[in-house]
Structure formats: structure tokens, C-alpha cells
């Protein structure tokens, strides 16, 4: 994703790419009023068109400077885009795209988990969360919904990946899943990286090649994720590729699985 999530010209360019030939005001902020209707009832009116450019600029300026975690910031930006409704059409798609963009800039794994796909199966809940947030004038309804949907998708994909990788022999057990879920939450890493740590903890002498084979992933992808873990100082390679071993930092290896009572 080559767009800058905090650049308005990229925001408009993305809208043009998405709607060119379909919307009259493609790639530009709307010039008229727009609303969301439930039958004949107006359930939301976007900002007046003369205020849209400044509102989007204020939002993007805030996001660029904000020190909030990208996962939370992406959800807030998504909600505010829906509230401003800057375009004549395509606002929902742009909000979901821009949340994905911020997430992918933070961690490239999210380029493969787009919010459009995450929310497709939960679209009624998505619309309900927007309405609940607007009715209560509290964006936390929407933020909690989108983040929970994202988390559930990650966990589901993790389960599918490892059911495929480990088969029916019981090697990948519920205890592993608990560790992985805790790593994802505690260290803000993706499930693949969490499972790499889990395998290194279980077998410090394991090679990157064997990790790739165990997880049914490419060696290149595993090496990239290991590199990211090393840059975060979560793991360290001691010794040569052959005969060496992995050192999982104590703050990680001492983590206990979640207790699901």
C-alpha cells in the first residue's frame, strides 16, 4: 500500500481509483449535502460540504501527531470518516480502506487482512455499531465492535492455519492457542510471529527452515517475521545457523497462557 494515510491528496486519489466512472464527484470532496436514510427517515447527516475539507484536514493532522496505538487510532479514524461523510458516495469503503492502510503501515500482515473482508460477514453488526455510536454520541461502540471483529478474524485464521499445518495428531493443542492469543495481545505482534515465539520456546534449537515446515509457510516469510521479532528485541539468535539456538527474552518466555474459566 503506497498511500500515506495522513495525506489528503492520497485520500482523494484512492477515492478516485475506487469510484472513477461510477460517481460524478470522483476523487473530490462532495459539493452537496448527503445523508444516510432508513426508508424515509434520516438517521445521519454528514457535515455541511463547506466544512468537509477543514474537518478532514483536522482529523488527518490529529492522526499524524497522535501517539495512540495504531490499532486504536485506525478505528477512531474510520469512525470519524464515516461521521464526516466527505464524499458523495463510497464513504464506507474509504473508511474501511483507511483503517486497513494505517494497520498495514504498522504491521504488513494487515495488508492481507483488509477491514472490507473482516466486516463483510458482520456487516449488519457494523451498521448497528455505527448507529449505536451516533445515537449515544459515543464512538466507543463502533471502535469496540471493529476491533473485536478484527481480533476474531485473526484468531479464526490462526486456527485454520494451524489446523492445516498440524493435522489431526493433536500437536497443536488448546494450550498453544492460549499462548498465541496472549502474545498477540501483550506484545502487539501478529499470530504468525506469536507462533514462531511459541515454537522457539518449545525447541530453542529449531531452525527457521523447520519453523516454516511446521507452520506450512514459506521460508522467506518466516525469515521476515523473525527479523521483525529480532528488531523488537523479543528473540535473539545465539551462535551460528547450524548448532546455535534461539533465546526468547524472559519477558516473553515467562508469559503464562490465559486462564479461560
C-alpha atoms as a PDB file:
ATOM      1  CA  UNK A   1       0.000   0.000   0.000  1.00  0.00           C
ATOM      2  CA  UNK A   2       1.824   3.068  -1.276  1.00  0.00           C
ATOM      3  CA  UNK A   3      -0.589   5.677   0.104  1.00  0.00           C
ATOM      4  CA  UNK A   4       0.280   7.966   3.000  1.00  0.00           C
ATOM      5  CA  UNK A   5      -2.613   7.557   5.473  1.00  0.00           C
ATOM      6  CA  UNK A   6      -2.219  11.137   6.647  1.00  0.00           C
ATOM      7  CA  UNK A   7      -2.037  12.843   3.227  1.00  0.00           C
ATOM      8  CA  UNK A   8      -5.296  14.300   1.927  1.00  0.00           C
ATOM      9  CA  UNK A   9      -4.175  14.104  -1.723  1.00  0.00           C
ATOM     10  CA  UNK A  10      -3.629  10.348  -1.300  1.00  0.00           C
ATOM     11  CA  UNK A  11      -7.054  10.061   0.329  1.00  0.00           C
ATOM     12  CA  UNK A  12      -8.632  11.749  -2.688  1.00  0.00           C
ATOM     13  CA  UNK A  13      -6.537   9.726  -5.151  1.00  0.00           C
ATOM     14  CA  UNK A  14      -7.649   6.466  -3.542  1.00  0.00           C
ATOM     15  CA  UNK A  15     -11.275   7.566  -3.796  1.00  0.00           C
ATOM     16  CA  UNK A  16     -10.761   8.392  -7.477  1.00  0.00           C
ATOM     17  CA  UNK A  17      -9.265   4.967  -8.145  1.00  0.00           C
ATOM     18  CA  UNK A  18     -12.188   3.316  -6.368  1.00  0.00           C
ATOM     19  CA  UNK A  19     -15.045   5.296  -7.903  1.00  0.00           C
ATOM     20  CA  UNK A  20     -13.883   6.691 -11.261  1.00  0.00           C
ATOM     21  CA  UNK A  21     -16.639   6.240 -13.824  1.00  0.00           C
ATOM     22  CA  UNK A  22     -19.129   5.350 -11.091  1.00  0.00           C
ATOM     23  CA  UNK A  23     -19.508   8.609  -9.160  1.00  0.00           C
ATOM     24  CA  UNK A  24     -19.766  12.122 -10.626  1.00  0.00           C
ATOM     25  CA  UNK A  25     -17.632  13.667  -7.875  1.00  0.00           C
ATOM     26  CA  UNK A  26     -14.896  11.026  -8.002  1.00  0.00           C
ATOM     27  CA  UNK A  27     -11.658  11.896  -6.253  1.00  0.00           C
ATOM     28  CA  UNK A  28     -13.025  15.078  -4.703  1.00  0.00           C
ATOM     29  CA  UNK A  29     -14.878  16.139  -1.606  1.00  0.00           C
ATOM     30  CA  UNK A  30     -18.610  16.423  -2.125  1.00  0.00           C
ATOM     31  CA  UNK A  31     -20.164  19.754  -3.005  1.00  0.00           C
ATOM     32  CA  UNK A  32     -23.638  18.997  -1.702  1.00  0.00           C
ATOM     33  CA  UNK A  33     -25.311  17.696   1.436  1.00  0.00           C
ATOM     34  CA  UNK A  34     -25.562  13.956   1.964  1.00  0.00           C
ATOM     35  CA  UNK A  35     -27.379  11.792   4.463  1.00  0.00           C
ATOM     36  CA  UNK A  36     -27.962   8.198   5.466  1.00  0.00           C
ATOM     37  CA  UNK A  37     -31.603   7.136   5.336  1.00  0.00           C
ATOM     38  CA  UNK A  38     -33.637   4.307   6.789  1.00  0.00           C
ATOM     39  CA  UNK A  39     -36.569   4.374   4.427  1.00  0.00           C
ATOM     40  CA  UNK A  40     -37.764   7.980   4.568  1.00  0.00           C
ATOM     41  CA  UNK A  41     -36.129   8.634   7.949  1.00  0.00           C
ATOM     42  CA  UNK A  42     -32.772  10.437   8.126  1.00  0.00           C
ATOM     43  CA  UNK A  43     -30.501   8.565  10.521  1.00  0.00           C
ATOM     44  CA  UNK A  44     -27.333  10.561   9.850  1.00  0.00           C
ATOM     45  CA  UNK A  45     -26.419  13.772   8.080  1.00  0.00           C
ATOM     46  CA  UNK A  46     -22.844  14.310   7.022  1.00  0.00           C
ATOM     47  CA  UNK A  47     -21.051  17.572   7.742  1.00  0.00           C
ATOM     48  CA  UNK A  48     -22.067  20.522   5.590  1.00  0.00           C
ATOM     49  CA  UNK A  49     -19.949  20.454   2.404  1.00  0.00           C
ATOM     50  CA  UNK A  50     -18.221  23.778   3.056  1.00  0.00           C
ATOM     51  CA  UNK A  51     -16.773  22.350   6.286  1.00  0.00           C
ATOM     52  CA  UNK A  52     -15.625  18.976   4.925  1.00  0.00           C
ATOM     53  CA  UNK A  53     -12.084  19.923   3.738  1.00  0.00           C
ATOM     54  CA  UNK A  54     -11.153  21.537   7.049  1.00  0.00           C
ATOM     55  CA  UNK A  55     -12.675  18.703   9.089  1.00  0.00           C
ATOM     56  CA  UNK A  56     -10.714  16.081   7.150  1.00  0.00           C
ATOM     57  CA  UNK A  57      -7.529  18.138   7.487  1.00  0.00           C
ATOM     58  CA  UNK A  58      -8.025  18.448  11.245  1.00  0.00           C
ATOM     59  CA  UNK A  59      -8.658  14.706  11.507  1.00  0.00           C
ATOM     60  CA  UNK A  60      -5.563  13.744   9.496  1.00  0.00           C
ATOM     61  CA  UNK A  61      -3.376  16.279  11.337  1.00  0.00           C
ATOM     62  CA  UNK A  62      -4.527  14.807  14.644  1.00  0.00           C
ATOM     63  CA  UNK A  63      -3.897  11.235  13.472  1.00  0.00           C
ATOM     64  CA  UNK A  64      -0.409  12.060  12.171  1.00  0.00           C
ATOM     65  CA  UNK A  65       0.616  13.505  15.546  1.00  0.00           C
ATOM     66  CA  UNK A  66      -1.269  11.113  17.792  1.00  0.00           C
ATOM     67  CA  UNK A  67       0.753   8.682  19.918  1.00  0.00           C
ATOM     68  CA  UNK A  68      -2.194   6.304  20.277  1.00  0.00           C
ATOM     69  CA  UNK A  69      -1.537   2.711  19.281  1.00  0.00           C
ATOM     70  CA  UNK A  70      -2.188   2.305  15.524  1.00  0.00           C
ATOM     71  CA  UNK A  71      -4.857  -0.332  16.159  1.00  0.00           C
ATOM     72  CA  UNK A  72      -6.911   2.105  18.232  1.00  0.00           C
ATOM     73  CA  UNK A  73      -6.086   5.128  16.080  1.00  0.00           C
ATOM     74  CA  UNK A  74      -7.153   3.307  12.905  1.00  0.00           C
ATOM     75  CA  UNK A  75     -10.575   2.552  14.389  1.00  0.00           C
ATOM     76  CA  UNK A  76     -11.077   6.161  15.503  1.00  0.00           C
ATOM     77  CA  UNK A  77     -10.099   7.472  12.067  1.00  0.00           C
ATOM     78  CA  UNK A  78     -12.510   5.020  10.424  1.00  0.00           C
ATOM     79  CA  UNK A  79     -15.384   6.200  12.610  1.00  0.00           C
ATOM     80  CA  UNK A  80     -14.656   9.891  12.056  1.00  0.00           C
ATOM     81  CA  UNK A  81     -14.546   9.403   8.279  1.00  0.00           C
ATOM     82  CA  UNK A  82     -17.996   7.825   8.486  1.00  0.00           C
ATOM     83  CA  UNK A  83     -19.210  10.720  10.643  1.00  0.00           C
ATOM     84  CA  UNK A  84     -17.887  13.470   8.355  1.00  0.00           C
ATOM     85  CA  UNK A  85     -19.039  11.571   5.241  1.00  0.00           C
ATOM     86  CA  UNK A  86     -16.625  13.513   2.999  1.00  0.00           C
ATOM     87  CA  UNK A  87     -17.709  12.013  -0.340  1.00  0.00           C
ATOM     88  CA  UNK A  88     -20.894  11.846  -2.346  1.00  0.00           C
ATOM     89  CA  UNK A  89     -20.535   8.055  -2.343  1.00  0.00           C
ATOM     90  CA  UNK A  90     -18.012   5.457  -1.182  1.00  0.00           C
ATOM     91  CA  UNK A  91     -17.592   6.732   2.387  1.00  0.00           C
ATOM     92  CA  UNK A  92     -17.899   3.309   3.993  1.00  0.00           C
ATOM     93  CA  UNK A  93     -15.380   1.761   1.612  1.00  0.00           C
ATOM     94  CA  UNK A  94     -12.938   4.632   2.179  1.00  0.00           C
ATOM     95  CA  UNK A  95     -13.276   4.383   5.956  1.00  0.00           C
ATOM     96  CA  UNK A  96     -12.542   0.658   5.869  1.00  0.00           C
ATOM     97  CA  UNK A  97      -9.683   1.121   3.398  1.00  0.00           C
ATOM     98  CA  UNK A  98      -8.057   3.835   5.510  1.00  0.00           C
ATOM     99  CA  UNK A  99      -8.278   1.735   8.661  1.00  0.00           C
ATOM    100  CA  UNK A 100      -6.581  -1.103   6.781  1.00  0.00           C
ATOM    101  CA  UNK A 101      -3.920   1.297   5.484  1.00  0.00           C
ATOM    102  CA  UNK A 102      -2.947   2.502   8.965  1.00  0.00           C
ATOM    103  CA  UNK A 103      -2.868  -1.068  10.261  1.00  0.00           C
ATOM    104  CA  UNK A 104      -0.751  -2.249   7.307  1.00  0.00           C
ATOM    105  CA  UNK A 105       1.729   0.608   7.787  1.00  0.00           C
ATOM    106  CA  UNK A 106       2.146  -0.570  11.376  1.00  0.00           C
ATOM    107  CA  UNK A 107       2.307  -4.272  10.561  1.00  0.00           C
ATOM    108  CA  UNK A 108       2.328  -5.550   6.934  1.00  0.00           C
ATOM    109  CA  UNK A 109       0.309  -8.636   7.894  1.00  0.00           C
ATOM    110  CA  UNK A 110      -2.809  -6.441   7.873  1.00  0.00           C
ATOM    111  CA  UNK A 111      -2.462  -5.863   4.136  1.00  0.00           C
ATOM    112  CA  UNK A 112      -3.688  -9.468   3.927  1.00  0.00           C
ATOM    113  CA  UNK A 113      -6.496  -8.909   6.441  1.00  0.00           C
ATOM    114  CA  UNK A 114      -8.412  -5.954   4.928  1.00  0.00           C
ATOM    115  CA  UNK A 115     -11.207  -4.465   7.004  1.00  0.00           C
ATOM    116  CA  UNK A 116     -13.506  -4.813   3.976  1.00  0.00           C
ATOM    117  CA  UNK A 117     -13.223  -8.592   4.319  1.00  0.00           C
ATOM    118  CA  UNK A 118     -13.228  -8.567   8.127  1.00  0.00           C
ATOM    119  CA  UNK A 119     -16.537  -6.684   8.255  1.00  0.00           C
ATOM    120  CA  UNK A 120     -18.266  -8.288   5.268  1.00  0.00           C
ATOM    121  CA  UNK A 121     -19.644 -11.200   7.277  1.00  0.00           C
ATOM    122  CA  UNK A 122     -20.512  -8.848  10.135  1.00  0.00           C
ATOM    123  CA  UNK A 123     -21.967  -6.024   8.072  1.00  0.00           C
ATOM    124  CA  UNK A 124     -25.276  -5.827   9.940  1.00  0.00           C
ATOM    125  CA  UNK A 125     -23.412  -5.577  13.237  1.00  0.00           C
ATOM    126  CA  UNK A 126     -21.142  -2.978  11.622  1.00  0.00           C
ATOM    127  CA  UNK A 127     -24.101  -0.779  10.656  1.00  0.00           C
ATOM    128  CA  UNK A 128     -25.725  -1.327  14.046  1.00  0.00           C
ATOM    129  CA  UNK A 129     -22.496  -0.242  15.797  1.00  0.00           C
ATOM    130  CA  UNK A 130     -22.370   2.955  13.720  1.00  0.00           C
ATOM    131  CA  UNK A 131     -25.981   3.739  14.610  1.00  0.00           C
ATOM    132  CA  UNK A 132     -25.445   2.961  18.304  1.00  0.00           C
ATOM    133  CA  UNK A 133     -22.374   5.222  18.417  1.00  0.00           C
ATOM    134  CA  UNK A 134     -24.236   8.077  16.751  1.00  0.00           C
ATOM    135  CA  UNK A 135     -27.289   7.691  18.947  1.00  0.00           C
ATOM    136  CA  UNK A 136     -25.189   7.719  22.116  1.00  0.00           C
ATOM    137  CA  UNK A 137     -22.721  10.262  20.731  1.00  0.00           C
ATOM    138  CA  UNK A 138     -20.030   7.823  21.853  1.00  0.00           C
ATOM    139  CA  UNK A 139     -17.601   6.353  19.310  1.00  0.00           C
ATOM    140  CA  UNK A 140     -16.547   3.565  21.699  1.00  0.00           C
ATOM    141  CA  UNK A 141     -19.466   1.412  20.488  1.00  0.00           C
ATOM    142  CA  UNK A 142     -18.056   1.446  16.962  1.00  0.00           C
ATOM    143  CA  UNK A 143     -14.410   1.187  17.997  1.00  0.00           C
ATOM    144  CA  UNK A 144     -15.020  -1.831  20.221  1.00  0.00           C
ATOM    145  CA  UNK A 145     -17.025  -3.568  17.505  1.00  0.00           C
ATOM    146  CA  UNK A 146     -14.427  -3.123  14.754  1.00  0.00           C
ATOM    147  CA  UNK A 147     -11.512  -4.132  16.980  1.00  0.00           C
ATOM    148  CA  UNK A 148     -13.353  -7.205  18.245  1.00  0.00           C
ATOM    149  CA  UNK A 149     -14.215  -8.172  14.658  1.00  0.00           C
ATOM    150  CA  UNK A 150     -10.554  -7.794  13.696  1.00  0.00           C
ATOM    151  CA  UNK A 151      -9.384  -9.848  16.653  1.00  0.00           C
ATOM    152  CA  UNK A 152     -11.885 -12.632  15.977  1.00  0.00           C
ATOM    153  CA  UNK A 153     -10.755 -12.785  12.346  1.00  0.00           C
ATOM    154  CA  UNK A 154      -7.095 -13.083  13.367  1.00  0.00           C
ATOM    155  CA  UNK A 155      -7.860 -15.854  15.848  1.00  0.00           C
ATOM    156  CA  UNK A 156     -10.009 -17.710  13.288  1.00  0.00           C
ATOM    157  CA  UNK A 157      -7.295 -17.503  10.636  1.00  0.00           C
ATOM    158  CA  UNK A 158      -4.727 -18.642  13.154  1.00  0.00           C
ATOM    159  CA  UNK A 159      -6.841 -21.682  13.969  1.00  0.00           C
ATOM    160  CA  UNK A 160      -7.368 -22.544  10.294  1.00  0.00           C
ATOM    161  CA  UNK A 161      -3.675 -22.141   9.557  1.00  0.00           C
ATOM    162  CA  UNK A 162      -2.541 -24.412  12.322  1.00  0.00           C
ATOM    163  CA  UNK A 163      -5.280 -26.988  11.911  1.00  0.00           C
ATOM    164  CA  UNK A 164      -3.992 -27.305   8.348  1.00  0.00           C
ATOM    165  CA  UNK A 165      -0.353 -27.309   9.443  1.00  0.00           C
ATOM    166  CA  UNK A 166      -0.580 -29.764  12.321  1.00  0.00           C
ATOM    167  CA  UNK A 167      -3.330 -32.060  11.078  1.00  0.00           C
ATOM    168  CA  UNK A 168      -5.322 -34.239  13.433  1.00  0.00           C
ATOM    169  CA  UNK A 169      -2.461 -35.582  15.535  1.00  0.00           C
ATOM    170  CA  UNK A 170      -3.104 -33.157  18.348  1.00  0.00           C
ATOM    171  CA  UNK A 171       0.295 -31.436  18.143  1.00  0.00           C
ATOM    172  CA  UNK A 172      -1.324 -28.016  18.040  1.00  0.00           C
ATOM    173  CA  UNK A 173      -3.362 -28.091  21.231  1.00  0.00           C
ATOM    174  CA  UNK A 174      -5.531 -25.579  23.016  1.00  0.00           C
ATOM    175  CA  UNK A 175      -2.630 -24.634  25.279  1.00  0.00           C
ATOM    176  CA  UNK A 176      -0.720 -23.363  22.231  1.00  0.00           C
ATOM    177  CA  UNK A 177      -3.700 -21.291  21.158  1.00  0.00           C
ATOM    178  CA  UNK A 178      -3.846 -19.641  24.595  1.00  0.00           C
ATOM    179  CA  UNK A 179      -0.154 -18.753  24.452  1.00  0.00           C
ATOM    180  CA  UNK A 180      -0.507 -17.327  20.950  1.00  0.00           C
ATOM    181  CA  UNK A 181      -3.527 -15.221  21.872  1.00  0.00           C
ATOM    182  CA  UNK A 182      -1.647 -13.820  24.874  1.00  0.00           C
ATOM    183  CA  UNK A 183       1.452 -12.988  22.803  1.00  0.00           C
ATOM    184  CA  UNK A 184      -0.687 -11.169  20.209  1.00  0.00           C
ATOM    185  CA  UNK A 185      -2.345  -9.051  22.886  1.00  0.00           C
ATOM    186  CA  UNK A 186       0.643  -8.418  25.140  1.00  0.00           C
ATOM    187  CA  UNK A 187       3.349  -7.672  22.582  1.00  0.00           C
ATOM    188  CA  UNK A 188       1.270  -6.257  19.682  1.00  0.00           C
ATOM    189  CA  UNK A 189       2.560  -8.853  17.227  1.00  0.00           C
ATOM    190  CA  UNK A 190       0.738 -10.888  14.618  1.00  0.00           C
ATOM    191  CA  UNK A 191      -0.331 -14.524  15.139  1.00  0.00           C
ATOM    192  CA  UNK A 192       2.420 -15.859  12.865  1.00  0.00           C
ATOM    193  CA  UNK A 193       5.077 -14.117  14.948  1.00  0.00           C
ATOM    194  CA  UNK A 194       3.395 -15.350  18.132  1.00  0.00           C
ATOM    195  CA  UNK A 195       3.526 -18.954  16.932  1.00  0.00           C
ATOM    196  CA  UNK A 196       7.183 -18.544  15.934  1.00  0.00           C
ATOM    197  CA  UNK A 197       7.944 -17.483  19.510  1.00  0.00           C
ATOM    198  CA  UNK A 198       5.954 -20.437  20.812  1.00  0.00           C
ATOM    199  CA  UNK A 199       7.951 -22.899  18.684  1.00  0.00           C
ATOM    200  CA  UNK A 200      11.262 -21.288  19.686  1.00  0.00           C
ATOM    201  CA  UNK A 201      10.268 -21.552  23.341  1.00  0.00           C
ATOM    202  CA  UNK A 202       9.428 -25.231  22.961  1.00  0.00           C
ATOM    203  CA  UNK A 203      12.573 -26.013  20.959  1.00  0.00           C
ATOM    204  CA  UNK A 204      15.350 -23.359  21.126  1.00  0.00           C
ATOM    205  CA  UNK A 205      17.428 -25.285  18.614  1.00  0.00           C
ATOM    206  CA  UNK A 206      14.766 -25.235  15.899  1.00  0.00           C
ATOM    207  CA  UNK A 207      15.859 -23.802  12.554  1.00  0.00           C
ATOM    208  CA  UNK A 208      13.977 -21.197  10.553  1.00  0.00           C
ATOM    209  CA  UNK A 209      13.515 -23.841   7.860  1.00  0.00           C
ATOM    210  CA  UNK A 210      11.890 -26.228  10.333  1.00  0.00           C
ATOM    211  CA  UNK A 211       9.659 -23.442  11.643  1.00  0.00           C
ATOM    212  CA  UNK A 212       8.494 -22.791   8.079  1.00  0.00           C
ATOM    213  CA  UNK A 213       7.786 -26.502   7.592  1.00  0.00           C
ATOM    214  CA  UNK A 214       5.910 -26.789  10.893  1.00  0.00           C
ATOM    215  CA  UNK A 215       3.764 -23.749  10.073  1.00  0.00           C
ATOM    216  CA  UNK A 216       3.307 -24.599   6.386  1.00  0.00           C
ATOM    217  CA  UNK A 217       4.647 -21.182   5.372  1.00  0.00           C
ATOM    218  CA  UNK A 218       7.444 -20.023   3.082  1.00  0.00           C
ATOM    219  CA  UNK A 219      10.969 -19.772   4.482  1.00  0.00           C
ATOM    220  CA  UNK A 220      11.144 -16.200   3.182  1.00  0.00           C
ATOM    221  CA  UNK A 221       8.035 -15.219   5.114  1.00  0.00           C
ATOM    222  CA  UNK A 222       9.318 -16.857   8.297  1.00  0.00           C
ATOM    223  CA  UNK A 223      12.699 -15.137   7.953  1.00  0.00           C
ATOM    224  CA  UNK A 224      10.954 -11.767   7.533  1.00  0.00           C
ATOM    225  CA  UNK A 225       8.850 -12.310  10.649  1.00  0.00           C
ATOM    226  CA  UNK A 226      11.875 -13.479  12.643  1.00  0.00           C
ATOM    227  CA  UNK A 227      13.683 -10.327  11.530  1.00  0.00           C
ATOM    228  CA  UNK A 228      10.836  -8.222  12.887  1.00  0.00           C
ATOM    229  CA  UNK A 229      10.889 -10.125  16.186  1.00  0.00           C
ATOM    230  CA  UNK A 230      14.649  -9.579  16.452  1.00  0.00           C
ATOM    231  CA  UNK A 231      14.262  -5.862  15.708  1.00  0.00           C
ATOM    232  CA  UNK A 232      11.717  -5.697  18.553  1.00  0.00           C
ATOM    233  CA  UNK A 233      14.302  -7.492  20.760  1.00  0.00           C
ATOM    234  CA  UNK A 234      11.813 -10.240  21.556  1.00  0.00           C
ATOM    235  CA  UNK A 235      14.103 -13.018  20.289  1.00  0.00           C
ATOM    236  CA  UNK A 236      17.830 -13.351  19.668  1.00  0.00           C
ATOM    237  CA  UNK A 237      19.891 -15.905  17.774  1.00  0.00           C
ATOM    238  CA  UNK A 238      22.823 -17.231  19.762  1.00  0.00           C
ATOM    239  CA  UNK A 239      25.545 -18.879  17.684  1.00  0.00           C
ATOM    240  CA  UNK A 240      25.569 -19.919  14.044  1.00  0.00           C
ATOM    241  CA  UNK A 241      22.630 -21.022  11.932  1.00  0.00           C
ATOM    242  CA  UNK A 242      23.774 -24.615  12.446  1.00  0.00           C
ATOM    243  CA  UNK A 243      24.410 -25.570  16.040  1.00  0.00           C
ATOM    244  CA  UNK A 244      23.111 -22.312  17.507  1.00  0.00           C
ATOM    245  CA  UNK A 245      19.896 -21.706  19.380  1.00  0.00           C
ATOM    246  CA  UNK A 246      17.179 -19.118  19.926  1.00  0.00           C
ATOM    247  CA  UNK A 247      16.969 -17.021  23.037  1.00  0.00           C
ATOM    248  CA  UNK A 248      13.422 -15.883  23.729  1.00  0.00           C
ATOM    249  CA  UNK A 249      13.602 -12.872  26.030  1.00  0.00           C
ATOM    250  CA  UNK A 250      12.487 -13.632  29.562  1.00  0.00           C
ATOM    251  CA  UNK A 251       9.594 -11.164  29.449  1.00  0.00           C
ATOM    252  CA  UNK A 252       8.138 -13.250  26.634  1.00  0.00           C
ATOM    253  CA  UNK A 253       9.036 -16.792  27.619  1.00  0.00           C
ATOM    254  CA  UNK A 254       7.740 -16.319  31.157  1.00  0.00           C
ATOM    255  CA  UNK A 255       4.281 -15.320  29.910  1.00  0.00           C
ATOM    256  CA  UNK A 256       1.649 -17.748  31.093  1.00  0.00           C
ATOM    257  CA  UNK A 257      -1.337 -18.829  28.995  1.00  0.00           C
ATOM    258  CA  UNK A 258      -4.636 -17.088  29.503  1.00  0.00           C
ATOM    259  CA  UNK A 259      -6.849 -18.742  32.038  1.00  0.00           C
ATOM    260  CA  UNK A 260     -10.180 -19.329  30.293  1.00  0.00           C
ATOM    261  CA  UNK A 261     -12.507 -20.283  33.127  1.00  0.00           C
END
